[in-house]
Amino acid sequence: MLPLSEVSIDTYRTDPESVMLLYQHLDGCSSCRDFKPVVESMEPIFPEIEFRELKISNLQELPFFAPPAMPSLILFVGGYRVQEHHGAVGSRGQ
């Protein structure tokens, strides 16, 4: 899972076929750390999706698409935010 800077999100708007799942997590958050392997395990299952991560280290410098809870998953299709999930899940099966 490669990092994504807030600025480079615009590059996904140029390709209407692009599909990206963005994993946002807070530096030092234990729930975020525990959930990251779940997200990473999805990469080989969905090769058509580009997996990216955005580590937030300072709550005063949140990105413009900051979630209401961490960790979060945001699905972008053609550069547009189409689906979101916030907070950690209880098991890998969810």
C-alpha atoms as a PDB file:
ATOM      1  CA  MET A   1       0.000   0.000   0.000  1.00  0.00           C
ATOM      2  CA  LEU A   2       1.610   3.207  -1.159  1.00  0.00           C
ATOM      3  CA  PRO A   3       1.263   6.576   0.567  1.00  0.00           C
ATOM      4  CA  LEU A   4      -0.891   9.281  -0.972  1.00  0.00           C
ATOM      5  CA  SER A   5      -0.400  12.978  -0.555  1.00  0.00           C
ATOM      6  CA  GLU A   6      -3.437  15.229  -0.443  1.00  0.00           C
ATOM      7  CA  VAL A   7      -2.247  17.013  -3.579  1.00  0.00           C
ATOM      8  CA  SER A   8      -1.982  13.862  -5.707  1.00  0.00           C
ATOM      9  CA  ILE A   9      -5.669  12.965  -5.235  1.00  0.00           C
ATOM     10  CA  ASP A  10      -6.384  15.182  -8.263  1.00  0.00           C
ATOM     11  CA  THR A  11      -4.488  12.824 -10.569  1.00  0.00           C
ATOM     12  CA  TYR A  12      -7.286  10.269 -10.103  1.00  0.00           C
ATOM     13  CA  ARG A  13      -9.854  12.700 -11.513  1.00  0.00           C
ATOM     14  CA  THR A  14      -8.279  12.528 -14.970  1.00  0.00           C
ATOM     15  CA  ASP A  15      -9.075   8.822 -15.408  1.00  0.00           C
ATOM     16  CA  PRO A  16     -12.795   8.000 -15.199  1.00  0.00           C
ATOM     17  CA  GLU A  17     -11.950   4.290 -14.862  1.00  0.00           C
ATOM     18  CA  SER A  18      -9.641   4.701 -11.855  1.00  0.00           C
ATOM     19  CA  VAL A  19     -10.620   2.906  -8.645  1.00  0.00           C
ATOM     20  CA  MET A  20      -8.739   3.676  -5.452  1.00  0.00           C
ATOM     21  CA  LEU A  21      -9.304   2.649  -1.851  1.00  0.00           C
ATOM     22  CA  LEU A  22      -7.781   5.137   0.552  1.00  0.00           C
ATOM     23  CA  TYR A  23      -6.930   3.965   4.059  1.00  0.00           C
ATOM     24  CA  GLN A  24      -6.643   6.929   6.427  1.00  0.00           C
ATOM     25  CA  HIS A  25      -5.185   6.407   9.853  1.00  0.00           C
ATOM     26  CA  LEU A  26      -3.987   8.451  12.774  1.00  0.00           C
ATOM     27  CA  ASP A  27      -0.370   8.150  13.845  1.00  0.00           C
ATOM     28  CA  GLY A  28      -0.243   6.389  17.236  1.00  0.00           C
ATOM     29  CA  CYS A  29      -3.810   5.022  17.070  1.00  0.00           C
ATOM     30  CA  SER A  30      -3.915   1.374  18.208  1.00  0.00           C
ATOM     31  CA  SER A  31      -7.197   0.634  16.372  1.00  0.00           C
ATOM     32  CA  CYS A  32      -5.681   2.044  13.191  1.00  0.00           C
ATOM     33  CA  ARG A  33      -2.532  -0.072  13.622  1.00  0.00           C
ATOM     34  CA  ASP A  34      -4.597  -3.221  14.245  1.00  0.00           C
ATOM     35  CA  PHE A  35      -6.832  -2.601  11.214  1.00  0.00           C
ATOM     36  CA  LYS A  36      -4.028  -1.969   8.706  1.00  0.00           C
ATOM     37  CA  PRO A  37      -3.248  -5.703   8.137  1.00  0.00           C
ATOM     38  CA  VAL A  38      -6.928  -6.264   7.298  1.00  0.00           C
ATOM     39  CA  VAL A  39      -6.745  -3.606   4.599  1.00  0.00           C
ATOM     40  CA  GLU A  40      -3.431  -4.957   3.301  1.00  0.00           C
ATOM     41  CA  SER A  41      -4.920  -8.461   3.068  1.00  0.00           C
ATOM     42  CA  MET A  42      -7.522  -7.151   0.595  1.00  0.00           C
ATOM     43  CA  GLU A  43      -4.940  -5.962  -1.955  1.00  0.00           C
ATOM     44  CA  PRO A  44      -4.316  -9.347  -3.633  1.00  0.00           C
ATOM     45  CA  ILE A  45      -8.057 -10.110  -3.638  1.00  0.00           C
ATOM     46  CA  PHE A  46      -8.935  -6.910  -5.530  1.00  0.00           C
ATOM     47  CA  PRO A  47      -6.097  -6.285  -8.023  1.00  0.00           C
ATOM     48  CA  GLU A  48      -8.265  -3.845  -9.995  1.00  0.00           C
ATOM     49  CA  ILE A  49      -8.292  -1.450  -7.026  1.00  0.00           C
ATOM     50  CA  GLU A  50      -5.329   0.768  -6.247  1.00  0.00           C
ATOM     51  CA  PHE A  51      -4.757   0.756  -2.479  1.00  0.00           C
ATOM     52  CA  ARG A  52      -3.288   3.910  -0.935  1.00  0.00           C
ATOM     53  CA  GLU A  53      -2.811   5.146   2.594  1.00  0.00           C
ATOM     54  CA  LEU A  54      -2.746   8.538   4.229  1.00  0.00           C
ATOM     55  CA  LYS A  55      -1.191   8.785   7.678  1.00  0.00           C
ATOM     56  CA  ILE A  56      -2.436  11.750   9.661  1.00  0.00           C
ATOM     57  CA  SER A  57       0.085  12.806  12.255  1.00  0.00           C
ATOM     58  CA  ASN A  58      -1.435  16.082  13.408  1.00  0.00           C
ATOM     59  CA  LEU A  59      -5.158  16.624  14.054  1.00  0.00           C
ATOM     60  CA  GLN A  60      -4.710  20.325  13.327  1.00  0.00           C
ATOM     61  CA  GLU A  61      -3.677  19.528   9.746  1.00  0.00           C
ATOM     62  CA  LEU A  62      -6.469  17.251   8.529  1.00  0.00           C
ATOM     63  CA  PRO A  63      -6.960  16.815   4.767  1.00  0.00           C
ATOM     64  CA  PHE A  64     -10.022  18.349   3.135  1.00  0.00           C
ATOM     65  CA  PHE A  65     -11.620  14.893   2.881  1.00  0.00           C
ATOM     66  CA  ALA A  66     -10.912  13.997   6.519  1.00  0.00           C
ATOM     67  CA  PRO A  67     -13.203  11.346   8.001  1.00  0.00           C
ATOM     68  CA  PRO A  68     -15.258  11.738  11.181  1.00  0.00           C
ATOM     69  CA  ALA A  69     -13.483   8.722  12.764  1.00  0.00           C
ATOM     70  CA  MET A  70     -10.267   6.774  12.330  1.00  0.00           C
ATOM     71  CA  PRO A  71      -9.342   4.449  10.813  1.00  0.00           C
ATOM     72  CA  SER A  72     -11.363   5.028   7.672  1.00  0.00           C
ATOM     73  CA  LEU A  73     -11.688   3.609   4.188  1.00  0.00           C
ATOM     74  CA  ILE A  74     -12.792   5.832   1.326  1.00  0.00           C
ATOM     75  CA  LEU A  75     -13.477   4.431  -2.135  1.00  0.00           C
ATOM     76  CA  PHE A  76     -12.829   6.771  -5.055  1.00  0.00           C
ATOM     77  CA  VAL A  77     -14.060   5.911  -8.566  1.00  0.00           C
ATOM     78  CA  GLY A  78     -12.968   8.207 -11.360  1.00  0.00           C
ATOM     79  CA  GLY A  79     -11.628  10.564  -8.711  1.00  0.00           C
ATOM     80  CA  TYR A  80     -14.977  10.895  -6.954  1.00  0.00           C
ATOM     81  CA  ARG A  81     -15.691   9.730  -3.422  1.00  0.00           C
ATOM     82  CA  VAL A  82     -18.399   7.069  -3.709  1.00  0.00           C
ATOM     83  CA  GLN A  83     -18.270   4.974  -0.517  1.00  0.00           C
ATOM     84  CA  GLU A  84     -16.914   5.317   3.014  1.00  0.00           C
ATOM     85  CA  HIS A  85     -16.451   3.267   6.156  1.00  0.00           C
ATOM     86  CA  HIS A  86     -15.262   4.800   9.418  1.00  0.00           C
ATOM     87  CA  GLY A  87     -13.908   3.087  12.506  1.00  0.00           C
ATOM     88  CA  ALA A  88     -12.382  -0.357  12.955  1.00  0.00           C
ATOM     89  CA  VAL A  89     -14.428  -3.501  12.471  1.00  0.00           C
ATOM     90  CA  GLY A  90     -14.569  -6.321  14.977  1.00  0.00           C
ATOM     91  CA  SER A  91     -13.294  -9.138  12.772  1.00  0.00           C
ATOM     92  CA  ARG A  92     -11.795  -9.877   9.400  1.00  0.00           C
ATOM     93  CA  GLY A  93     -15.109 -11.268   8.240  1.00  0.00           C
ATOM     94  CA  GLN A  94     -16.920  -7.951   8.302  1.00  0.00           C
END
